[in-house]
PDB file of N, CA and C in Angstrom:
ATOM      1  N   MET A   1      55.159 -11.708  59.800  1.00  0.00           N
ATOM      2  CA  MET A   1      54.599 -10.506  59.696  1.00  0.00           C
ATOM      3  C   MET A   1      55.514  -9.575  60.764  1.00  0.00           C
ATOM      4  N   ILE A   2      55.821  -8.509  60.243  1.00  0.00           N
ATOM      5  CA  ILE A   2      56.479  -7.431  60.764  1.00  0.00           C
ATOM      6  C   ILE A   2      55.452  -5.929  60.757  1.00  0.00           C
ATOM      7  N   SER A   3      55.258  -5.720  61.745  1.00  0.00           N
ATOM      8  CA  SER A   3      54.357  -4.572  61.981  1.00  0.00           C
ATOM      9  C   SER A   3      55.177  -3.022  62.099  1.00  0.00           C
ATOM     10  N   ASN A   4      56.444  -3.167  62.565  1.00  0.00           N
ATOM     11  CA  ASN A   4      57.240  -2.220  62.899  1.00  0.00           C
ATOM     12  C   ASN A   4      58.209  -1.920  61.696  1.00  0.00           C
ATOM     13  N   ILE A   5      58.193  -0.598  61.133  1.00  0.00           N
ATOM     14  CA  ILE A   5      58.968  -0.371  60.235  1.00  0.00           C
ATOM     15  C   ILE A   5      60.201  -0.637  60.268  1.00  0.00           C
ATOM     16  N   ALA A   6      60.707  -0.197  61.722  1.00  0.00           N
ATOM     17  CA  ALA A   6      62.227  -0.386  61.960  1.00  0.00           C
ATOM     18  C   ALA A   6      62.747  -1.950  61.593  1.00  0.00           C
ATOM     19  N   GLU A   7      61.779  -2.811  62.269  1.00  0.00           N
ATOM     20  CA  GLU A   7      62.054  -4.466  62.184  1.00  0.00           C
ATOM     21  C   GLU A   7      62.219  -4.570  60.756  1.00  0.00           C
ATOM     22  N   SER A   8      61.316  -4.207  59.882  1.00  0.00           N
ATOM     23  CA  SER A   8      61.220  -4.303  58.732  1.00  0.00           C
ATOM     24  C   SER A   8      62.367  -4.152  57.901  1.00  0.00           C
ATOM     25  N   VAL A   9      62.816  -2.730  57.982  1.00  0.00           N
ATOM     26  CA  VAL A   9      64.088  -2.256  57.555  1.00  0.00           C
ATOM     27  C   VAL A   9      65.313  -3.030  57.899  1.00  0.00           C
ATOM     28  N   ASN A  10      65.360  -3.315  59.118  1.00  0.00           N
ATOM     29  CA  ASN A  10      66.626  -4.105  59.690  1.00  0.00           C
ATOM     30  C   ASN A  10      66.702  -5.453  59.144  1.00  0.00           C
ATOM     31  N   THR A  11      65.513  -6.196  59.083  1.00  0.00           N
ATOM     32  CA  THR A  11      65.265  -7.302  58.367  1.00  0.00           C
ATOM     33  C   THR A  11      65.923  -7.532  56.927  1.00  0.00           C
ATOM     34  N   ALA A  12      65.384  -6.429  56.119  1.00  0.00           N
ATOM     35  CA  ALA A  12      65.769  -6.390  54.739  1.00  0.00           C
ATOM     36  C   ALA A  12      67.200  -5.867  54.447  1.00  0.00           C
ATOM     37  N   ASN A  13      67.879  -5.195  55.320  1.00  0.00           N
ATOM     38  CA  ASN A  13      69.302  -4.876  55.228  1.00  0.00           C
ATOM     39  C   ASN A  13      70.093  -5.534  55.896  1.00  0.00           C
ATOM     40  N   LYS A  14      69.916  -6.825  56.594  1.00  0.00           N
ATOM     41  CA  LYS A  14      70.552  -7.647  57.389  1.00  0.00           C
ATOM     42  C   LYS A  14      71.991  -8.037  56.702  1.00  0.00           C
ATOM     43  N   ASP A  15      71.921  -8.306  55.604  1.00  0.00           N
ATOM     44  CA  ASP A  15      73.180  -8.800  54.894  1.00  0.00           C
ATOM     45  C   ASP A  15      73.861  -7.864  54.469  1.00  0.00           C
ATOM     46  N   ALA A  16      73.496  -6.474  54.145  1.00  0.00           N
ATOM     47  CA  ALA A  16      74.199  -5.433  53.795  1.00  0.00           C
ATOM     48  C   ALA A  16      74.885  -4.639  55.061  1.00  0.00           C
ATOM     49  N   ARG A  17      74.391  -4.918  56.290  1.00  0.00           N
ATOM     50  CA  ARG A  17      75.212  -4.214  57.418  1.00  0.00           C
ATOM     51  C   ARG A  17      76.761  -4.263  57.432  1.00  0.00           C
ATOM     52  N   GLU A  18      77.416  -5.111  56.884  1.00  0.00           N
ATOM     53  CA  GLU A  18      78.781  -5.317  56.824  1.00  0.00           C
ATOM     54  C   GLU A  18      79.419  -4.506  55.853  1.00  0.00           C
ATOM     55  N   LEU A  19      78.864  -3.832  54.960  1.00  0.00           N
ATOM     56  CA  LEU A  19      79.232  -3.145  53.848  1.00  0.00           C
ATOM     57  C   LEU A  19      79.719  -1.536  54.282  1.00  0.00           C
ATOM     58  N   SER A  20      80.302  -1.079  53.331  1.00  0.00           N
ATOM     59  CA  SER A  20      80.684   0.427  53.761  1.00  0.00           C
ATOM     60  C   SER A  20      79.349   1.101  53.784  1.00  0.00           C
ATOM     61  N   VAL A  21      79.607   2.319  54.333  1.00  0.00           N
ATOM     62  CA  VAL A  21      78.470   3.523  54.226  1.00  0.00           C
ATOM     63  C   VAL A  21      77.971   3.837  52.993  1.00  0.00           C
ATOM     64  N   THR A  22      78.620   3.926  51.808  1.00  0.00           N
ATOM     65  CA  THR A  22      78.298   4.237  50.695  1.00  0.00           C
ATOM     66  C   THR A  22      77.597   3.120  50.043  1.00  0.00           C
ATOM     67  N   ALA A  23      78.178   1.851  50.048  1.00  0.00           N
ATOM     68  CA  ALA A  23      77.671   0.435  49.720  1.00  0.00           C
ATOM     69  C   ALA A  23      76.255   0.319  50.271  1.00  0.00           C
ATOM     70  N   LEU A  24      76.305   0.541  51.628  1.00  0.00           N
ATOM     71  CA  LEU A  24      75.088   0.368  52.368  1.00  0.00           C
ATOM     72  C   LEU A  24      73.800   1.484  51.892  1.00  0.00           C
ATOM     73  N   LEU A  25      73.950   2.777  51.697  1.00  0.00           N
ATOM     74  CA  LEU A  25      73.394   3.565  51.193  1.00  0.00           C
ATOM     75  C   LEU A  25      72.835   3.032  49.946  1.00  0.00           C
ATOM     76  N   GLU A  26      73.820   2.550  48.977  1.00  0.00           N
ATOM     77  CA  GLU A  26      73.296   2.109  47.491  1.00  0.00           C
ATOM     78  C   GLU A  26      72.431   1.023  47.633  1.00  0.00           C
ATOM     79  N   PHE A  27      72.777   0.231  48.530  1.00  0.00           N
ATOM     80  CA  PHE A  27      71.862  -1.082  48.868  1.00  0.00           C
ATOM     81  C   PHE A  27      70.398  -0.537  49.173  1.00  0.00           C
ATOM     82  N   THR A  28      70.382   0.371  50.247  1.00  0.00           N
ATOM     83  CA  THR A  28      68.906   0.960  50.543  1.00  0.00           C
ATOM     84  C   THR A  28      68.292   1.584  49.777  1.00  0.00           C
ATOM     85  N   ARG A  29      68.999   2.353  48.851  1.00  0.00           N
ATOM     86  CA  ARG A  29      68.227   3.139  47.735  1.00  0.00           C
ATOM     87  C   ARG A  29      67.777   1.986  46.767  1.00  0.00           C
ATOM     88  N   ALA A  30      68.537   0.880  46.281  1.00  0.00           N
ATOM     89  CA  ALA A  30      68.077  -0.232  45.474  1.00  0.00           C
ATOM     90  C   ALA A  30      66.792  -0.632  45.889  1.00  0.00           C
ATOM     91  N   LEU A  31      66.845  -1.072  47.202  1.00  0.00           N
ATOM     92  CA  LEU A  31      65.830  -1.822  47.867  1.00  0.00           C
ATOM     93  C   LEU A  31      64.527  -0.853  47.949  1.00  0.00           C
ATOM     94  N   ILE A  32      64.640   0.489  48.076  1.00  0.00           N
ATOM     95  CA  ILE A  32      63.427   1.254  48.213  1.00  0.00           C
ATOM     96  C   ILE A  32      62.916   1.288  46.634  1.00  0.00           C
ATOM     97  N   GLU A  33      63.883   1.526  45.768  1.00  0.00           N
ATOM     98  CA  GLU A  33      63.160   1.665  44.389  1.00  0.00           C
ATOM     99  C   GLU A  33      62.590   0.345  43.997  1.00  0.00           C
ATOM    100  N   ARG A  34      63.072  -0.915  44.378  1.00  0.00           N
ATOM    101  CA  ARG A  34      62.611  -2.209  43.824  1.00  0.00           C
ATOM    102  C   ARG A  34      61.100  -1.997  44.612  1.00  0.00           C
ATOM    103  N   ARG A  35      60.769  -1.829  45.943  1.00  0.00           N
ATOM    104  CA  ARG A  35      59.669  -2.174  46.459  1.00  0.00           C
ATOM    105  C   ARG A  35      58.622  -1.075  45.935  1.00  0.00           C
ATOM    106  N   HIS A  36      59.262   0.524  45.884  1.00  0.00           N
ATOM    107  CA  HIS A  36      58.209   1.259  44.881  1.00  0.00           C
ATOM    108  C   HIS A  36      57.791   0.711  43.649  1.00  0.00           C
ATOM    109  N   ASN A  37      58.670   0.253  42.775  1.00  0.00           N
ATOM    110  CA  ASN A  37      58.145  -0.257  41.470  1.00  0.00           C
ATOM    111  C   ASN A  37      57.259  -1.529  41.685  1.00  0.00           C
ATOM    112  N   THR A  38      57.662  -2.291  42.550  1.00  0.00           N
ATOM    113  CA  THR A  38      56.375  -3.578  42.742  1.00  0.00           C
ATOM    114  C   THR A  38      55.149  -2.796  43.121  1.00  0.00           C
ATOM    115  N   ASN A  39      55.096  -2.008  44.216  1.00  0.00           N
ATOM    116  CA  ASN A  39      53.890  -1.280  44.494  1.00  0.00           C
ATOM    117  C   ASN A  39      52.957  -0.618  43.356  1.00  0.00           C
ATOM    118  N   MET A  40      53.988   0.047  42.527  1.00  0.00           N
ATOM    119  CA  MET A  40      53.379   0.611  41.538  1.00  0.00           C
ATOM    120  C   MET A  40      52.743  -0.308  40.569  1.00  0.00           C
ATOM    121  N   MET A  41      53.390  -1.148  40.161  1.00  0.00           N
ATOM    122  CA  MET A  41      52.925  -2.231  39.277  1.00  0.00           C
ATOM    123  C   MET A  41      51.868  -2.980  39.757  1.00  0.00           C
ATOM    124  N   ASN A  42      51.665  -2.976  41.030  1.00  0.00           N
ATOM    125  CA  ASN A  42      50.481  -3.816  41.691  1.00  0.00           C
ATOM    126  C   ASN A  42      49.046  -2.759  41.648  1.00  0.00           C
ATOM    127  N   ALA A  43      49.478  -1.244  41.826  1.00  0.00           N
ATOM    128  CA  ALA A  43      48.568  -0.570  41.701  1.00  0.00           C
ATOM    129  C   ALA A  43      48.295  -0.194  40.229  1.00  0.00           C
ATOM    130  N   THR A  44      48.953  -0.254  39.297  1.00  0.00           N
ATOM    131  CA  THR A  44      48.520   0.117  38.058  1.00  0.00           C
ATOM    132  C   THR A  44      47.783  -1.265  37.481  1.00  0.00           C
ATOM    133  N   GLY A  45      48.040  -2.478  37.797  1.00  0.00           N
ATOM    134  CA  GLY A  45      47.409  -3.588  37.399  1.00  0.00           C
ATOM    135  C   GLY A  45      45.863  -3.921  38.051  1.00  0.00           C
ATOM    136  N   SER A  46      45.688  -3.058  39.204  1.00  0.00           N
ATOM    137  CA  SER A  46      44.339  -3.280  39.778  1.00  0.00           C
ATOM    138  C   SER A  46      43.337  -2.241  38.931  1.00  0.00           C
ATOM    139  N   PHE A  47      42.157  -2.935  38.832  1.00  0.00           N
ATOM    140  CA  PHE A  47      41.282  -2.064  37.969  1.00  0.00           C
ATOM    141  C   PHE A  47      39.774  -2.270  38.392  1.00  0.00           C
ATOM    142  N   THR A  48      39.051  -1.335  38.692  1.00  0.00           N
ATOM    143  CA  THR A  48      37.593  -1.440  38.794  1.00  0.00           C
ATOM    144  C   THR A  48      36.596  -0.533  38.104  1.00  0.00           C
ATOM    145  N   PHE A  49      35.863  -1.676  37.362  1.00  0.00           N
ATOM    146  CA  PHE A  49      35.025  -1.012  36.622  1.00  0.00           C
ATOM    147  C   PHE A  49      33.879  -0.190  37.227  1.00  0.00           C
ATOM    148  N   LEU A  50      33.838   1.172  36.809  1.00  0.00           N
ATOM    149  CA  LEU A  50      32.825   2.232  37.440  1.00  0.00           C
ATOM    150  C   LEU A  50      31.364   2.006  37.202  1.00  0.00           C
ATOM    151  N   GLY A  51      30.897   1.289  36.219  1.00  0.00           N
ATOM    152  CA  GLY A  51      29.738   1.007  35.750  1.00  0.00           C
ATOM    153  C   GLY A  51      29.570   1.871  34.355  1.00  0.00           C
ATOM    154  N   LYS A  52      28.452   1.451  33.574  1.00  0.00           N
ATOM    155  CA  LYS A  52      28.233   2.150  32.466  1.00  0.00           C
ATOM    156  C   LYS A  52      27.980   3.539  32.344  1.00  0.00           C
ATOM    157  N   LYS A  53      27.188   4.138  33.348  1.00  0.00           N
ATOM    158  CA  LYS A  53      26.837   5.530  33.525  1.00  0.00           C
ATOM    159  C   LYS A  53      27.937   6.296  33.709  1.00  0.00           C
ATOM    160  N   CYS A  54      28.821   5.761  34.817  1.00  0.00           N
ATOM    161  CA  CYS A  54      29.944   6.558  35.088  1.00  0.00           C
ATOM    162  C   CYS A  54      30.920   6.566  34.183  1.00  0.00           C
ATOM    163  N   HIS A  55      31.199   5.573  33.400  1.00  0.00           N
ATOM    164  CA  HIS A  55      32.107   5.301  32.329  1.00  0.00           C
ATOM    165  C   HIS A  55      31.941   6.170  31.311  1.00  0.00           C
ATOM    166  N   LYS A  56      30.551   6.392  30.922  1.00  0.00           N
ATOM    167  CA  LYS A  56      30.070   7.384  29.810  1.00  0.00           C
ATOM    168  C   LYS A  56      30.369   8.520  30.155  1.00  0.00           C
ATOM    169  N   MET A  57      30.227   9.066  31.565  1.00  0.00           N
ATOM    170  CA  MET A  57      30.342  10.594  31.905  1.00  0.00           C
ATOM    171  C   MET A  57      31.804  10.826  31.819  1.00  0.00           C
ATOM    172  N   LEU A  58      32.817   9.864  32.276  1.00  0.00           N
ATOM    173  CA  LEU A  58      34.012  10.056  32.137  1.00  0.00           C
ATOM    174  C   LEU A  58      34.548  10.380  30.635  1.00  0.00           C
ATOM    175  N   GLU A  59      34.167   9.525  29.806  1.00  0.00           N
ATOM    176  CA  GLU A  59      34.395   9.705  28.484  1.00  0.00           C
ATOM    177  C   GLU A  59      33.670  10.798  27.994  1.00  0.00           C
ATOM    178  N   ASP A  60      32.668  11.462  28.243  1.00  0.00           N
ATOM    179  CA  ASP A  60      32.202  12.550  27.655  1.00  0.00           C
ATOM    180  C   ASP A  60      32.925  13.854  28.491  1.00  0.00           C
ATOM    181  N   ASN A  61      33.377  13.818  29.411  1.00  0.00           N
ATOM    182  CA  ASN A  61      34.277  14.678  30.054  1.00  0.00           C
ATOM    183  C   ASN A  61      35.608  14.932  29.525  1.00  0.00           C
ATOM    184  N   GLU A  62      36.027  13.685  29.006  1.00  0.00           N
ATOM    185  CA  GLU A  62      37.339  13.684  28.307  1.00  0.00           C
ATOM    186  C   GLU A  62      36.998  14.314  27.145  1.00  0.00           C
ATOM    187  N   VAL A  63      36.262  14.156  26.221  1.00  0.00           N
ATOM    188  CA  VAL A  63      36.045  14.704  24.855  1.00  0.00           C
ATOM    189  C   VAL A  63      35.882  16.285  25.218  1.00  0.00           C
ATOM    190  N   LEU A  64      35.150  16.625  26.400  1.00  0.00           N
ATOM    191  CA  LEU A  64      34.883  18.163  26.490  1.00  0.00           C
ATOM    192  C   LEU A  64      36.225  18.856  27.187  1.00  0.00           C
ATOM    193  N   SER A  65      37.109  18.039  27.612  1.00  0.00           N
ATOM    194  CA  SER A  65      38.339  18.752  28.045  1.00  0.00           C
ATOM    195  C   SER A  65      39.519  18.888  26.975  1.00  0.00           C
ATOM    196  N   GLN A  66      39.176  18.490  25.761  1.00  0.00           N
ATOM    197  CA  GLN A  66      40.364  18.551  24.637  1.00  0.00           C
ATOM    198  C   GLN A  66      40.869  20.127  24.251  1.00  0.00           C
ATOM    199  N   GLY A  67      39.648  21.014  24.401  1.00  0.00           N
ATOM    200  CA  GLY A  67      40.099  22.167  23.825  1.00  0.00           C
ATOM    201  C   GLY A  67      40.291  23.462  25.080  1.00  0.00           C
ATOM    202  N   MET A  68      40.592  22.570  26.077  1.00  0.00           N
ATOM    203  CA  MET A  68      40.848  23.468  27.222  1.00  0.00           C
ATOM    204  C   MET A  68      42.368  23.785  27.559  1.00  0.00           C
ATOM    205  N   ARG A  69      42.482  24.999  27.959  1.00  0.00           N
ATOM    206  CA  ARG A  69      44.018  25.444  28.803  1.00  0.00           C
ATOM    207  C   ARG A  69      43.962  25.434  29.995  1.00  0.00           C
ATOM    208  N   VAL A  70      45.253  25.354  30.428  1.00  0.00           N
ATOM    209  CA  VAL A  70      45.341  25.047  32.050  1.00  0.00           C
ATOM    210  C   VAL A  70      46.611  26.212  32.535  1.00  0.00           C
ATOM    211  N   ARG A  71      46.267  26.841  33.754  1.00  0.00           N
ATOM    212  CA  ARG A  71      47.230  27.777  34.037  1.00  0.00           C
ATOM    213  C   ARG A  71      47.287  27.315  35.822  1.00  0.00           C
ATOM    214  N   SER A  72      48.511  27.006  36.141  1.00  0.00           N
ATOM    215  CA  SER A  72      48.694  26.470  37.532  1.00  0.00           C
ATOM    216  C   SER A  72      48.563  27.599  38.437  1.00  0.00           C
ATOM    217  N   SER A  73      48.149  27.714  39.351  1.00  0.00           N
ATOM    218  CA  SER A  73      48.196  28.802  40.692  1.00  0.00           C
ATOM    219  C   SER A  73      49.433  28.205  41.724  1.00  0.00           C
ATOM    220  N   THR A  74      48.852  27.231  42.228  1.00  0.00           N
ATOM    221  CA  THR A  74      49.572  26.397  43.050  1.00  0.00           C
ATOM    222  C   THR A  74      49.597  25.034  42.722  1.00  0.00           C
ATOM    223  N   GLU A  75      50.296  24.119  43.544  1.00  0.00           N
ATOM    224  CA  GLU A  75      50.278  22.601  43.291  1.00  0.00           C
ATOM    225  C   GLU A  75      48.770  21.860  42.888  1.00  0.00           C
ATOM    226  N   TYR A  76      47.782  22.536  43.762  1.00  0.00           N
ATOM    227  CA  TYR A  76      46.445  21.889  43.716  1.00  0.00           C
ATOM    228  C   TYR A  76      45.597  22.692  43.154  1.00  0.00           C
ATOM    229  N   VAL A  77      45.706  24.140  42.894  1.00  0.00           N
ATOM    230  CA  VAL A  77      44.795  25.006  42.425  1.00  0.00           C
ATOM    231  C   VAL A  77      45.107  25.581  40.885  1.00  0.00           C
ATOM    232  N   HIS A  78      44.129  25.291  40.219  1.00  0.00           N
ATOM    233  CA  HIS A  78      44.557  25.668  38.796  1.00  0.00           C
ATOM    234  C   HIS A  78      43.466  26.305  38.033  1.00  0.00           C
ATOM    235  N   THR A  79      43.749  27.319  37.065  1.00  0.00           N
ATOM    236  CA  THR A  79      42.502  28.004  36.560  1.00  0.00           C
ATOM    237  C   THR A  79      42.416  27.372  34.811  1.00  0.00           C
ATOM    238  N   VAL A  80      41.197  26.884  34.680  1.00  0.00           N
ATOM    239  CA  VAL A  80      41.300  26.197  33.269  1.00  0.00           C
ATOM    240  C   VAL A  80      40.413  27.316  32.489  1.00  0.00           C
ATOM    241  N   THR A  81      40.857  27.593  31.233  1.00  0.00           N
ATOM    242  CA  THR A  81      40.141  28.483  30.421  1.00  0.00           C
ATOM    243  C   THR A  81      39.427  27.505  29.153  1.00  0.00           C
ATOM    244  N   ASP A  82      38.205  27.704  29.290  1.00  0.00           N
ATOM    245  CA  ASP A  82      37.348  27.057  28.282  1.00  0.00           C
ATOM    246  C   ASP A  82      36.651  28.309  27.426  1.00  0.00           C
ATOM    247  N   GLY A  83      37.186  28.485  26.392  1.00  0.00           N
ATOM    248  CA  GLY A  83      36.844  29.430  25.559  1.00  0.00           C
ATOM    249  C   GLY A  83      37.278  30.775  26.307  1.00  0.00           C
ATOM    250  N   CYS A  84      36.095  31.567  26.421  1.00  0.00           N
ATOM    251  CA  CYS A  84      36.210  32.848  26.974  1.00  0.00           C
ATOM    252  C   CYS A  84      35.762  32.776  28.609  1.00  0.00           C
ATOM    253  N   LYS A  85      35.294  31.516  29.001  1.00  0.00           N
ATOM    254  CA  LYS A  85      35.027  31.376  30.610  1.00  0.00           C
ATOM    255  C   LYS A  85      36.188  30.568  31.088  1.00  0.00           C
ATOM    256  N   ARG A  86      36.207  31.199  32.537  1.00  0.00           N
ATOM    257  CA  ARG A  86      37.390  30.618  33.252  1.00  0.00           C
ATOM    258  C   ARG A  86      36.768  29.706  34.518  1.00  0.00           C
ATOM    259  N   PHE A  87      37.512  28.767  34.665  1.00  0.00           N
ATOM    260  CA  PHE A  87      37.060  27.932  36.095  1.00  0.00           C
ATOM    261  C   PHE A  87      38.095  27.630  36.991  1.00  0.00           C
ATOM    262  N   ILE A  88      38.069  27.871  38.164  1.00  0.00           N
ATOM    263  CA  ILE A  88      38.949  27.439  39.175  1.00  0.00           C
ATOM    264  C   ILE A  88      38.777  26.125  39.701  1.00  0.00           C
ATOM    265  N   VAL A  89      39.741  25.227  39.556  1.00  0.00           N
ATOM    266  CA  VAL A  89      39.643  24.063  40.138  1.00  0.00           C
ATOM    267  C   VAL A  89      40.561  23.547  41.196  1.00  0.00           C
ATOM    268  N   CYS A  90      40.239  23.009  42.299  1.00  0.00           N
ATOM    269  CA  CYS A  90      41.052  22.472  43.233  1.00  0.00           C
ATOM    270  C   CYS A  90      41.251  20.979  43.605  1.00  0.00           C
ATOM    271  N   LEU A  91      42.308  20.557  43.317  1.00  0.00           N
ATOM    272  CA  LEU A  91      42.229  19.110  43.172  1.00  0.00           C
ATOM    273  C   LEU A  91      42.333  18.412  44.641  1.00  0.00           C
ATOM    274  N   ARG A  92      43.211  19.219  45.462  1.00  0.00           N
ATOM    275  CA  ARG A  92      43.133  18.946  47.047  1.00  0.00           C
ATOM    276  C   ARG A  92      41.531  18.698  47.413  1.00  0.00           C
ATOM    277  N   LYS A  93      40.984  19.639  47.218  1.00  0.00           N
ATOM    278  CA  LYS A  93      39.704  19.676  48.020  1.00  0.00           C
ATOM    279  C   LYS A  93      38.563  18.924  46.699  1.00  0.00           C
ATOM    280  N   MET A  94      38.929  18.639  45.531  1.00  0.00           N
ATOM    281  CA  MET A  94      37.935  18.038  44.536  1.00  0.00           C
ATOM    282  C   MET A  94      36.666  18.649  44.343  1.00  0.00           C
ATOM    283  N   ASN A  95      37.100  19.964  43.939  1.00  0.00           N
ATOM    284  CA  ASN A  95      35.870  20.925  43.714  1.00  0.00           C
ATOM    285  C   ASN A  95      36.348  21.799  42.191  1.00  0.00           C
ATOM    286  N   CYS A  96      35.390  22.279  41.647  1.00  0.00           N
ATOM    287  CA  CYS A  96      35.695  23.197  40.511  1.00  0.00           C
ATOM    288  C   CYS A  96      34.500  24.296  40.556  1.00  0.00           C
ATOM    289  N   ALA A  97      34.763  25.062  39.932  1.00  0.00           N
ATOM    290  CA  ALA A  97      33.663  26.538  39.963  1.00  0.00           C
ATOM    291  C   ALA A  97      32.570  25.715  39.162  1.00  0.00           C
ATOM    292  N   CYS A  98      32.652  25.053  38.268  1.00  0.00           N
ATOM    293  CA  CYS A  98      31.206  24.622  37.555  1.00  0.00           C
ATOM    294  C   CYS A  98      30.677  23.793  38.405  1.00  0.00           C
ATOM    295  N   GLY A  99      30.881  23.115  39.535  1.00  0.00           N
ATOM    296  CA  GLY A  99      30.047  22.632  40.245  1.00  0.00           C
ATOM    297  C   GLY A  99      29.804  20.982  40.079  1.00  0.00           C
ATOM    298  N   ARG A 100      30.392  20.717  38.867  1.00  0.00           N
ATOM    299  CA  ARG A 100      30.086  19.154  38.314  1.00  0.00           C
ATOM    300  C   ARG A 100      30.943  18.099  39.323  1.00  0.00           C
ATOM    301  N   PHE A 101      32.120  18.699  39.575  1.00  0.00           N
ATOM    302  CA  PHE A 101      33.228  17.763  40.166  1.00  0.00           C
ATOM    303  C   PHE A 101      32.434  17.454  41.473  1.00  0.00           C
ATOM    304  N   GLN A 102      31.951  18.323  42.424  1.00  0.00           N
ATOM    305  CA  GLN A 102      31.343  18.197  43.518  1.00  0.00           C
ATOM    306  C   GLN A 102      30.021  17.416  43.584  1.00  0.00           C
ATOM    307  N   LEU A 103      29.367  17.773  42.496  1.00  0.00           N
ATOM    308  CA  LEU A 103      28.128  16.912  42.570  1.00  0.00           C
ATOM    309  C   LEU A 103      27.962  15.645  42.044  1.00  0.00           C
ATOM    310  N   ASP A 104      28.992  15.277  41.072  1.00  0.00           N
ATOM    311  CA  ASP A 104      29.003  13.982  40.233  1.00  0.00           C
ATOM    312  C   ASP A 104      29.837  13.065  41.106  1.00  0.00           C
ATOM    313  N   GLU A 105      30.888  13.498  41.972  1.00  0.00           N
ATOM    314  CA  GLU A 105      31.953  13.068  42.671  1.00  0.00           C
ATOM    315  C   GLU A 105      33.076  12.256  41.726  1.00  0.00           C
ATOM    316  N   LEU A 106      32.998  12.875  40.307  1.00  0.00           N
ATOM    317  CA  LEU A 106      33.912  12.265  39.054  1.00  0.00           C
ATOM    318  C   LEU A 106      34.529  13.404  38.677  1.00  0.00           C
ATOM    319  N   PRO A 107      35.535  13.548  38.052  1.00  0.00           N
ATOM    320  CA  PRO A 107      36.380  14.552  37.666  1.00  0.00           C
ATOM    321  C   PRO A 107      35.690  15.087  36.212  1.00  0.00           C
ATOM    322  N   CYS A 108      35.157  16.457  36.694  1.00  0.00           N
ATOM    323  CA  CYS A 108      34.576  17.337  35.328  1.00  0.00           C
ATOM    324  C   CYS A 108      35.689  17.360  34.325  1.00  0.00           C
ATOM    325  N   GLY A 109      35.351  17.996  33.231  1.00  0.00           N
ATOM    326  CA  GLY A 109      36.094  18.117  31.973  1.00  0.00           C
ATOM    327  C   GLY A 109      37.151  19.131  32.388  1.00  0.00           C
ATOM    328  N   HIS A 110      36.853  20.141  33.284  1.00  0.00           N
ATOM    329  CA  HIS A 110      38.090  20.889  33.723  1.00  0.00           C
ATOM    330  C   HIS A 110      39.080  20.265  34.663  1.00  0.00           C
ATOM    331  N   ALA A 111      38.601  19.439  35.446  1.00  0.00           N
ATOM    332  CA  ALA A 111      39.521  18.770  36.155  1.00  0.00           C
ATOM    333  C   ALA A 111      40.340  17.498  35.233  1.00  0.00           C
ATOM    334  N   LEU A 112      39.756  17.178  34.355  1.00  0.00           N
ATOM    335  CA  LEU A 112      40.138  16.079  33.609  1.00  0.00           C
ATOM    336  C   LEU A 112      41.521  16.743  32.756  1.00  0.00           C
ATOM    337  N   THR A 113      41.178  18.028  32.359  1.00  0.00           N
ATOM    338  CA  THR A 113      42.208  18.814  31.466  1.00  0.00           C
ATOM    339  C   THR A 113      43.469  18.957  32.552  1.00  0.00           C
ATOM    340  N   ILE A 114      43.272  19.162  33.719  1.00  0.00           N
ATOM    341  CA  ILE A 114      44.472  19.186  34.596  1.00  0.00           C
ATOM    342  C   ILE A 114      45.047  17.852  34.671  1.00  0.00           C
ATOM    343  N   LEU A 115      44.470  16.836  34.874  1.00  0.00           N
ATOM    344  CA  LEU A 115      44.654  15.501  35.199  1.00  0.00           C
ATOM    345  C   LEU A 115      45.610  14.921  33.852  1.00  0.00           C
TER     346      LEU A 115
END
């Protein structure tokens, strides 16, 4: 077990140290890509069932999100238009002007439209 990131990188590229700089950089890029893909596949494969009530709420919110339009203000702040009403959603703070995102602690229909 290695806890120091520098030791981990040194151990991983031990065989590539004798390569030229460009080959070493290519080796490092490929190593990072493989590790990222492995971690992504592990995260994608993990699943937690929320429970019937929460699952039903998410399904209902997904149906509500179908007819909405999104305008991005910044990376995390978006304006969602639902008919003639507008809602401001901040994904970083996990809040929506409708109040459901904060209350339920599950994405409301407006947040699901963005996601």
